[in-house]
């Protein structure tokens, strides 16, 4: 059983690492949506396609807004030292 900890117990480095993981996730999601948009735009034009493009653009805009918001909390000095890679050295 895991013990729930309070946010105040999180070190500055842990918080910055969490931000880096969240920002990486948002970048991946945006890239996937942009790739999906390109695929949809490559199809013959239809009303369904236009609706899908609009929905995808809205999702991209929400992700971009979240990214900008979380980016404001990043401490560049600490962020440079954080490696969010899970590859073995």
PDB file of N, CA and C in Angstrom:
ATOM      1  N   UNK A   1       0.845  -1.169   0.000  1.00  0.00           N
ATOM      2  CA  UNK A   1       0.000   0.000   0.000  1.00  0.00           C
ATOM      3  C   UNK A   1       0.895   1.238   0.000  1.00  0.00           C
ATOM      4  N   UNK A   2       0.595   2.182  -0.896  1.00  0.00           N
ATOM      5  CA  UNK A   2       1.378   3.404  -0.965  1.00  0.00           C
ATOM      6  C   UNK A   2       0.786   4.458  -0.036  1.00  0.00           C
ATOM      7  N   UNK A   3       1.672   5.283   0.507  1.00  0.00           N
ATOM      8  CA  UNK A   3       1.255   6.354   1.398  1.00  0.00           C
ATOM      9  C   UNK A   3       1.145   7.637   0.598  1.00  0.00           C
ATOM     10  N   UNK A   4       0.004   8.278   0.705  1.00  0.00           N
ATOM     11  CA  UNK A   4      -0.202   9.548   0.004  1.00  0.00           C
ATOM     12  C   UNK A   4       0.568  10.640   0.722  1.00  0.00           C
ATOM     13  N   UNK A   5       1.317  11.416  -0.035  1.00  0.00           N
ATOM     14  CA  UNK A   5       2.104  12.498   0.538  1.00  0.00           C
ATOM     15  C   UNK A   5       1.494  13.835   0.146  1.00  0.00           C
ATOM     16  N   UNK A   6       1.737  14.816   0.967  1.00  0.00           N
ATOM     17  CA  UNK A   6       1.261  16.170   0.683  1.00  0.00           C
ATOM     18  C   UNK A   6       2.186  16.827  -0.330  1.00  0.00           C
ATOM     19  N   UNK A   7       1.647  17.748  -1.097  1.00  0.00           N
ATOM     20  CA  UNK A   7       2.435  18.463  -2.093  1.00  0.00           C
ATOM     21  C   UNK A   7       3.619  19.184  -1.452  1.00  0.00           C
ATOM     22  N   UNK A   8       3.443  19.654  -0.237  1.00  0.00           N
ATOM     23  CA  UNK A   8       4.512  20.372   0.456  1.00  0.00           C
ATOM     24  C   UNK A   8       5.722  19.487   0.734  1.00  0.00           C
ATOM     25  N   UNK A   9       5.529  18.167   0.725  1.00  0.00           N
ATOM     26  CA  UNK A   9       6.626  17.243   0.964  1.00  0.00           C
ATOM     27  C   UNK A   9       7.484  17.016  -0.286  1.00  0.00           C
ATOM     28  N   UNK A  10       7.056  17.556  -1.415  1.00  0.00           N
ATOM     29  CA  UNK A  10       7.782  17.377  -2.665  1.00  0.00           C
ATOM     30  C   UNK A  10       8.937  18.371  -2.729  1.00  0.00           C
ATOM     31  N   UNK A  11      10.107  17.858  -3.037  1.00  0.00           N
ATOM     32  CA  UNK A  11      11.259  18.754  -3.156  1.00  0.00           C
ATOM     33  C   UNK A  11      11.141  19.569  -4.442  1.00  0.00           C
ATOM     34  N   UNK A  12      11.902  20.639  -4.502  1.00  0.00           N
ATOM     35  CA  UNK A  12      11.912  21.484  -5.693  1.00  0.00           C
ATOM     36  C   UNK A  12      12.355  20.682  -6.917  1.00  0.00           C
ATOM     37  N   UNK A  13      13.359  19.836  -6.742  1.00  0.00           N
ATOM     38  CA  UNK A  13      13.836  19.002  -7.840  1.00  0.00           C
ATOM     39  C   UNK A  13      12.783  18.024  -8.324  1.00  0.00           C
ATOM     40  N   UNK A  14      12.037  17.413  -7.373  1.00  0.00           N
ATOM     41  CA  UNK A  14      10.961  16.496  -7.749  1.00  0.00           C
ATOM     42  C   UNK A  14       9.865  17.226  -8.511  1.00  0.00           C
ATOM     43  N   UNK A  15       9.533  18.433  -8.052  1.00  0.00           N
ATOM     44  CA  UNK A  15       8.511  19.228  -8.730  1.00  0.00           C
ATOM     45  C   UNK A  15       8.954  19.564 -10.156  1.00  0.00           C
ATOM     46  N   UNK A  16      10.215  19.942 -10.317  1.00  0.00           N
ATOM     47  CA  UNK A  16      10.729  20.268 -11.648  1.00  0.00           C
ATOM     48  C   UNK A  16      10.742  19.033 -12.539  1.00  0.00           C
ATOM     49  N   UNK A  17      11.080  17.891 -11.983  1.00  0.00           N
ATOM     50  CA  UNK A  17      11.066  16.641 -12.760  1.00  0.00           C
ATOM     51  C   UNK A  17       9.633  16.313 -13.193  1.00  0.00           C
ATOM     52  N   UNK A  18       8.690  16.484 -12.290  1.00  0.00           N
ATOM     53  CA  UNK A  18       7.286  16.258 -12.617  1.00  0.00           C
ATOM     54  C   UNK A  18       6.841  17.190 -13.739  1.00  0.00           C
ATOM     55  N   UNK A  19       7.270  18.443 -13.680  1.00  0.00           N
ATOM     56  CA  UNK A  19       6.947  19.390 -14.755  1.00  0.00           C
ATOM     57  C   UNK A  19       7.534  18.932 -16.081  1.00  0.00           C
ATOM     58  N   UNK A  20       8.780  18.456 -16.062  1.00  0.00           N
ATOM     59  CA  UNK A  20       9.416  17.998 -17.294  1.00  0.00           C
ATOM     60  C   UNK A  20       8.663  16.810 -17.891  1.00  0.00           C
ATOM     61  N   UNK A  21       8.207  15.902 -17.043  1.00  0.00           N
ATOM     62  CA  UNK A  21       7.438  14.750 -17.520  1.00  0.00           C
ATOM     63  C   UNK A  21       6.111  15.221 -18.123  1.00  0.00           C
ATOM     64  N   UNK A  22       5.436  16.138 -17.437  1.00  0.00           N
ATOM     65  CA  UNK A  22       4.159  16.657 -17.941  1.00  0.00           C
ATOM     66  C   UNK A  22       4.356  17.383 -19.267  1.00  0.00           C
ATOM     67  N   UNK A  23       5.399  18.207 -19.367  1.00  0.00           N
ATOM     68  CA  UNK A  23       5.654  18.937 -20.612  1.00  0.00           C
ATOM     69  C   UNK A  23       6.012  17.982 -21.741  1.00  0.00           C
ATOM     70  N   UNK A  24       6.759  16.931 -21.438  1.00  0.00           N
ATOM     71  CA  UNK A  24       7.092  15.926 -22.460  1.00  0.00           C
ATOM     72  C   UNK A  24       5.830  15.237 -22.954  1.00  0.00           C
ATOM     73  N   UNK A  25       4.940  14.896 -22.015  1.00  0.00           N
ATOM     74  CA  UNK A  25       3.680  14.263 -22.379  1.00  0.00           C
ATOM     75  C   UNK A  25       2.847  15.182 -23.273  1.00  0.00           C
ATOM     76  N   UNK A  26       2.775  16.453 -22.923  1.00  0.00           N
ATOM     77  CA  UNK A  26       2.014  17.402 -23.742  1.00  0.00           C
ATOM     78  C   UNK A  26       2.619  17.547 -25.137  1.00  0.00           C
ATOM     79  N   UNK A  27       3.962  17.562 -25.231  1.00  0.00           N
ATOM     80  CA  UNK A  27       4.606  17.643 -26.555  1.00  0.00           C
ATOM     81  C   UNK A  27       4.266  16.420 -27.400  1.00  0.00           C
ATOM     82  N   UNK A  28       4.274  15.250 -26.784  1.00  0.00           N
ATOM     83  CA  UNK A  28       3.943  14.018 -27.512  1.00  0.00           C
ATOM     84  C   UNK A  28       2.498  14.050 -27.975  1.00  0.00           C
ATOM     85  N   UNK A  29       1.595  14.444 -27.078  1.00  0.00           N
ATOM     86  CA  UNK A  29       0.173  14.520 -27.454  1.00  0.00           C
ATOM     87  C   UNK A  29      -0.048  15.492 -28.607  1.00  0.00           C
ATOM     88  N   UNK A  30       0.614  16.634 -28.544  1.00  0.00           N
ATOM     89  CA  UNK A  30       0.459  17.628 -29.613  1.00  0.00           C
ATOM     90  C   UNK A  30       0.990  17.072 -30.936  1.00  0.00           C
ATOM     91  N   UNK A  31       2.136  16.419 -30.892  1.00  0.00           N
ATOM     92  CA  UNK A  31       2.703  15.836 -32.108  1.00  0.00           C
ATOM     93  C   UNK A  31       1.759  14.788 -32.701  1.00  0.00           C
ATOM     94  N   UNK A  32       1.190  13.948 -31.852  1.00  0.00           N
ATOM     95  CA  UNK A  32       0.250  12.930 -32.340  1.00  0.00           C
ATOM     96  C   UNK A  32      -0.975  13.581 -32.985  1.00  0.00           C
ATOM     97  N   UNK A  33      -1.484  14.633 -32.361  1.00  0.00           N
ATOM     98  CA  UNK A  33      -2.642  15.325 -32.929  1.00  0.00           C
ATOM     99  C   UNK A  33      -2.291  16.025 -34.240  1.00  0.00           C
ATOM    100  N   UNK A  34      -1.100  16.606 -34.314  1.00  0.00           N
ATOM    101  CA  UNK A  34      -0.678  17.255 -35.558  1.00  0.00           C
ATOM    102  C   UNK A  34      -0.515  16.216 -36.668  1.00  0.00           C
ATOM    103  N   UNK A  35      -0.003  15.052 -36.333  1.00  0.00           N
ATOM    104  CA  UNK A  35       0.106  13.968 -37.325  1.00  0.00           C
ATOM    105  C   UNK A  35      -1.277  13.501 -37.765  1.00  0.00           C
ATOM    106  N   UNK A  36      -2.195  13.396 -36.814  1.00  0.00           N
ATOM    107  CA  UNK A  36      -3.571  13.016 -37.138  1.00  0.00           C
ATOM    108  C   UNK A  36      -4.205  14.056 -38.056  1.00  0.00           C
ATOM    109  N   UNK A  37      -3.964  15.321 -37.757  1.00  0.00           N
ATOM    110  CA  UNK A  37      -4.492  16.410 -38.585  1.00  0.00           C
ATOM    111  C   UNK A  37      -3.974  16.296 -40.013  1.00  0.00           C
ATOM    112  N   UNK A  38      -2.686  16.006 -40.164  1.00  0.00           N
ATOM    113  CA  UNK A  38      -2.110  15.871 -41.500  1.00  0.00           C
ATOM    114  C   UNK A  38      -2.759  14.701 -42.247  1.00  0.00           C
ATOM    115  N   UNK A  39      -3.001  13.612 -41.541  1.00  0.00           N
ATOM    116  CA  UNK A  39      -3.657  12.459 -42.165  1.00  0.00           C
ATOM    117  C   UNK A  39      -5.071  12.803 -42.605  1.00  0.00           C
ATOM    118  N   UNK A  40      -5.804  13.508 -41.762  1.00  0.00           N
ATOM    119  CA  UNK A  40      -7.184  13.887 -42.087  1.00  0.00           C
ATOM    120  C   UNK A  40      -7.201  14.852 -43.268  1.00  0.00           C
ATOM    121  N   UNK A  41      -6.268  15.792 -43.278  1.00  0.00           N
ATOM    122  CA  UNK A  41      -6.227  16.764 -44.373  1.00  0.00           C
ATOM    123  C   UNK A  41      -5.850  16.118 -45.698  1.00  0.00           C
ATOM    124  N   UNK A  42      -5.192  14.974 -45.648  1.00  0.00           N
ATOM    125  CA  UNK A  42      -4.799  14.286 -46.881  1.00  0.00           C
ATOM    126  C   UNK A  42      -5.974  13.554 -47.528  1.00  0.00           C
ATOM    127  N   UNK A  43      -7.037  13.363 -46.766  1.00  0.00           N
ATOM    128  CA  UNK A  43      -8.222  12.673 -47.295  1.00  0.00           C
ATOM    129  C   UNK A  43      -9.037  13.624 -48.162  1.00  0.00           C
ATOM    130  N   UNK A  44      -9.896  13.064 -49.026  1.00  0.00           N
ATOM    131  CA  UNK A  44     -10.777  13.922 -49.831  1.00  0.00           C
ATOM    132  C   UNK A  44     -11.658  14.789 -48.923  1.00  0.00           C
ATOM    133  N   UNK A  45     -11.882  16.005 -49.343  1.00  0.00           N
ATOM    134  CA  UNK A  45     -12.616  17.004 -48.544  1.00  0.00           C
ATOM    135  C   UNK A  45     -14.066  16.572 -48.328  1.00  0.00           C
ATOM    136  N   UNK A  46     -14.529  16.693 -47.054  1.00  0.00           N
ATOM    137  CA  UNK A  46     -15.920  16.392 -46.714  1.00  0.00           C
ATOM    138  C   UNK A  46     -16.302  17.180 -45.467  1.00  0.00           C
ATOM    139  N   UNK A  47     -17.586  17.203 -45.155  1.00  0.00           N
ATOM    140  CA  UNK A  47     -18.045  17.891 -43.955  1.00  0.00           C
ATOM    141  C   UNK A  47     -17.515  17.205 -42.695  1.00  0.00           C
ATOM    142  N   UNK A  48     -17.474  15.873 -42.736  1.00  0.00           N
ATOM    143  CA  UNK A  48     -16.943  15.127 -41.598  1.00  0.00           C
ATOM    144  C   UNK A  48     -15.468  15.463 -41.381  1.00  0.00           C
ATOM    145  N   UNK A  49     -14.750  15.617 -42.485  1.00  0.00           N
ATOM    146  CA  UNK A  49     -13.336  15.960 -42.392  1.00  0.00           C
ATOM    147  C   UNK A  49     -13.179  17.351 -41.764  1.00  0.00           C
ATOM    148  N   UNK A  50     -13.987  18.302 -42.196  1.00  0.00           N
ATOM    149  CA  UNK A  50     -13.928  19.650 -41.633  1.00  0.00           C
ATOM    150  C   UNK A  50     -14.218  19.637 -40.134  1.00  0.00           C
ATOM    151  N   UNK A  51     -15.211  18.838 -39.714  1.00  0.00           N
ATOM    152  CA  UNK A  51     -15.527  18.716 -38.288  1.00  0.00           C
ATOM    153  C   UNK A  51     -14.355  18.108 -37.517  1.00  0.00           C
ATOM    154  N   UNK A  52     -13.743  17.082 -38.072  1.00  0.00           N
ATOM    155  CA  UNK A  52     -12.608  16.432 -37.429  1.00  0.00           C
ATOM    156  C   UNK A  52     -11.423  17.387 -37.326  1.00  0.00           C
ATOM    157  N   UNK A  53     -11.199  18.177 -38.351  1.00  0.00           N
ATOM    158  CA  UNK A  53     -10.121  19.170 -38.322  1.00  0.00           C
ATOM    159  C   UNK A  53     -10.388  20.206 -37.243  1.00  0.00           C
ATOM    160  N   UNK A  54     -11.627  20.676 -37.144  1.00  0.00           N
ATOM    161  CA  UNK A  54     -11.985  21.657 -36.111  1.00  0.00           C
ATOM    162  C   UNK A  54     -11.780  21.085 -34.703  1.00  0.00           C
ATOM    163  N   UNK A  55     -12.244  19.846 -34.475  1.00  0.00           N
ATOM    164  CA  UNK A  55     -12.079  19.216 -33.162  1.00  0.00           C
ATOM    165  C   UNK A  55     -10.600  19.044 -32.828  1.00  0.00           C
ATOM    166  N   UNK A  56      -9.823  18.617 -33.808  1.00  0.00           N
ATOM    167  CA  UNK A  56      -8.398  18.404 -33.586  1.00  0.00           C
ATOM    168  C   UNK A  56      -7.692  19.721 -33.303  1.00  0.00           C
ATOM    169  N   UNK A  57      -8.037  20.763 -34.038  1.00  0.00           N
ATOM    170  CA  UNK A  57      -7.442  22.084 -33.790  1.00  0.00           C
ATOM    171  C   UNK A  57      -7.770  22.577 -32.384  1.00  0.00           C
ATOM    172  N   UNK A  58      -8.993  22.343 -31.920  1.00  0.00           N
ATOM    173  CA  UNK A  58      -9.373  22.747 -30.567  1.00  0.00           C
ATOM    174  C   UNK A  58      -8.553  21.984 -29.527  1.00  0.00           C
ATOM    175  N   UNK A  59      -8.351  20.694 -29.760  1.00  0.00           N
ATOM    176  CA  UNK A  59      -7.539  19.900 -28.831  1.00  0.00           C
ATOM    177  C   UNK A  59      -6.098  20.406 -28.801  1.00  0.00           C
ATOM    178  N   UNK A  60      -5.562  20.723 -29.966  1.00  0.00           N
ATOM    179  CA  UNK A  60      -4.189  21.241 -30.043  1.00  0.00           C
ATOM    180  C   UNK A  60      -4.088  22.568 -29.298  1.00  0.00           C
ATOM    181  N   UNK A  61      -5.083  23.423 -29.442  1.00  0.00           N
ATOM    182  CA  UNK A  61      -5.064  24.712 -28.753  1.00  0.00           C
ATOM    183  C   UNK A  61      -5.123  24.538 -27.228  1.00  0.00           C
ATOM    184  N   UNK A  62      -5.933  23.581 -26.749  1.00  0.00           N
ATOM    185  CA  UNK A  62      -6.009  23.326 -25.307  1.00  0.00           C
ATOM    186  C   UNK A  62      -4.677  22.786 -24.784  1.00  0.00           C
ATOM    187  N   UNK A  63      -4.055  21.898 -25.538  1.00  0.00           N
ATOM    188  CA  UNK A  63      -2.751  21.365 -25.146  1.00  0.00           C
ATOM    189  C   UNK A  63      -1.715  22.480 -25.124  1.00  0.00           C
ATOM    190  N   UNK A  64      -1.733  23.336 -26.128  1.00  0.00           N
ATOM    191  CA  UNK A  64      -0.778  24.456 -26.191  1.00  0.00           C
ATOM    192  C   UNK A  64      -0.972  25.393 -24.998  1.00  0.00           C
ATOM    193  N   UNK A  65      -2.212  25.640 -24.613  1.00  0.00           N
ATOM    194  CA  UNK A  65      -2.487  26.504 -23.462  1.00  0.00           C
ATOM    195  C   UNK A  65      -1.964  25.862 -22.172  1.00  0.00           C
ATOM    196  N   UNK A  66      -2.191  24.563 -22.006  1.00  0.00           N
ATOM    197  CA  UNK A  66      -1.661  23.865 -20.830  1.00  0.00           C
ATOM    198  C   UNK A  66      -0.139  23.910 -20.820  1.00  0.00           C
ATOM    199  N   UNK A  67       0.464  23.701 -21.971  1.00  0.00           N
ATOM    200  CA  UNK A  67       1.921  23.717 -22.069  1.00  0.00           C
ATOM    201  C   UNK A  67       2.462  25.081 -21.633  1.00  0.00           C
ATOM    202  N   UNK A  68       1.875  26.143 -22.165  1.00  0.00           N
ATOM    203  CA  UNK A  68       2.320  27.495 -21.790  1.00  0.00           C
ATOM    204  C   UNK A  68       2.153  27.731 -20.291  1.00  0.00           C
ATOM    205  N   UNK A  69       1.038  27.263 -19.741  1.00  0.00           N
ATOM    206  CA  UNK A  69       0.783  27.443 -18.308  1.00  0.00           C
ATOM    207  C   UNK A  69       1.835  26.725 -17.463  1.00  0.00           C
ATOM    208  N   UNK A  70       2.076  25.452 -17.752  1.00  0.00           N
ATOM    209  CA  UNK A  70       3.038  24.679 -16.954  1.00  0.00           C
ATOM    210  C   UNK A  70       4.465  25.153 -17.186  1.00  0.00           C
ATOM    211  N   UNK A  71       4.755  25.664 -18.357  1.00  0.00           N
ATOM    212  CA  UNK A  71       6.089  26.159 -18.672  1.00  0.00           C
ATOM    213  C   UNK A  71       6.465  27.332 -17.764  1.00  0.00           C
ATOM    214  N   UNK A  72       5.475  28.084 -17.308  1.00  0.00           N
ATOM    215  CA  UNK A  72       5.762  29.229 -16.445  1.00  0.00           C
ATOM    216  C   UNK A  72       6.319  28.808 -15.089  1.00  0.00           C
ATOM    217  N   UNK A  73       6.135  27.553 -14.692  1.00  0.00           N
ATOM    218  CA  UNK A  73       6.622  27.068 -13.401  1.00  0.00           C
ATOM    219  C   UNK A  73       8.025  26.474 -13.480  1.00  0.00           C
ATOM    220  N   UNK A  74       8.548  26.332 -14.690  1.00  0.00           N
ATOM    221  CA  UNK A  74       9.846  25.687 -14.866  1.00  0.00           C
ATOM    222  C   UNK A  74      10.967  26.605 -14.383  1.00  0.00           C
ATOM    223  N   UNK A  75      11.827  26.052 -13.556  1.00  0.00           N
ATOM    224  CA  UNK A  75      13.041  26.745 -13.115  1.00  0.00           C
ATOM    225  C   UNK A  75      14.148  26.277 -14.055  1.00  0.00           C
ATOM    226  N   UNK A  76      14.574  27.150 -14.941  1.00  0.00           N
ATOM    227  CA  UNK A  76      15.534  26.768 -15.991  1.00  0.00           C
ATOM    228  C   UNK A  76      16.833  26.202 -15.419  1.00  0.00           C
ATOM    229  N   UNK A  77      17.288  26.732 -14.296  1.00  0.00           N
ATOM    230  CA  UNK A  77      18.540  26.251 -13.700  1.00  0.00           C
ATOM    231  C   UNK A  77      18.422  24.788 -13.287  1.00  0.00           C
ATOM    232  N   UNK A  78      17.293  24.426 -12.706  1.00  0.00           N
ATOM    233  CA  UNK A  78      17.089  23.035 -12.290  1.00  0.00           C
ATOM    234  C   UNK A  78      16.731  22.173 -13.491  1.00  0.00           C
ATOM    235  N   UNK A  79      15.910  22.695 -14.398  1.00  0.00           N
ATOM    236  CA  UNK A  79      15.440  21.925 -15.547  1.00  0.00           C
ATOM    237  C   UNK A  79      16.592  21.420 -16.413  1.00  0.00           C
ATOM    238  N   UNK A  80      17.660  22.198 -16.510  1.00  0.00           N
ATOM    239  CA  UNK A  80      18.804  21.793 -17.331  1.00  0.00           C
ATOM    240  C   UNK A  80      19.488  20.546 -16.785  1.00  0.00           C
ATOM    241  N   UNK A  81      19.345  20.310 -15.497  1.00  0.00           N
ATOM    242  CA  UNK A  81      20.026  19.169 -14.875  1.00  0.00           C
ATOM    243  C   UNK A  81      19.152  17.924 -14.830  1.00  0.00           C
ATOM    244  N   UNK A  82      17.901  18.033 -15.246  1.00  0.00           N
ATOM    245  CA  UNK A  82      16.961  16.912 -15.152  1.00  0.00           C
ATOM    246  C   UNK A  82      16.974  16.106 -16.439  1.00  0.00           C
ATOM    247  N   UNK A  83      17.124  14.808 -16.271  1.00  0.00           N
ATOM    248  CA  UNK A  83      17.072  13.879 -17.405  1.00  0.00           C
ATOM    249  C   UNK A  83      15.808  13.050 -17.244  1.00  0.00           C
ATOM    250  N   UNK A  84      14.846  13.209 -18.162  1.00  0.00           N
ATOM    251  CA  UNK A  84      13.610  12.448 -18.060  1.00  0.00           C
ATOM    252  C   UNK A  84      13.656  11.203 -18.942  1.00  0.00           C
ATOM    253  N   UNK A  85      14.813  10.893 -19.452  1.00  0.00           N
ATOM    254  CA  UNK A  85      14.977   9.696 -20.259  1.00  0.00           C
ATOM    255  C   UNK A  85      14.966   8.464 -19.357  1.00  0.00           C
ATOM    256  N   UNK A  86      14.350   7.402 -19.818  1.00  0.00           N
ATOM    257  CA  UNK A  86      14.301   6.170 -19.059  1.00  0.00           C
ATOM    258  C   UNK A  86      15.188   5.096 -19.661  1.00  0.00           C
ATOM    259  N   UNK A  87      16.071   5.527 -20.538  1.00  0.00           N
ATOM    260  CA  UNK A  87      17.041   4.600 -21.126  1.00  0.00           C
ATOM    261  C   UNK A  87      18.162   4.348 -20.141  1.00  0.00           C
ATOM    262  N   UNK A  88      18.727   3.172 -20.235  1.00  0.00           N
ATOM    263  CA  UNK A  88      19.866   2.867 -19.373  1.00  0.00           C
ATOM    264  C   UNK A  88      21.102   3.534 -19.908  1.00  0.00           C
ATOM    265  N   UNK A  89      21.972   4.037 -19.025  1.00  0.00           N
ATOM    266  CA  UNK A  89      23.196   4.723 -19.487  1.00  0.00           C
ATOM    267  C   UNK A  89      24.157   3.792 -20.185  1.00  0.00           C
TER     268      UNK A  89
END
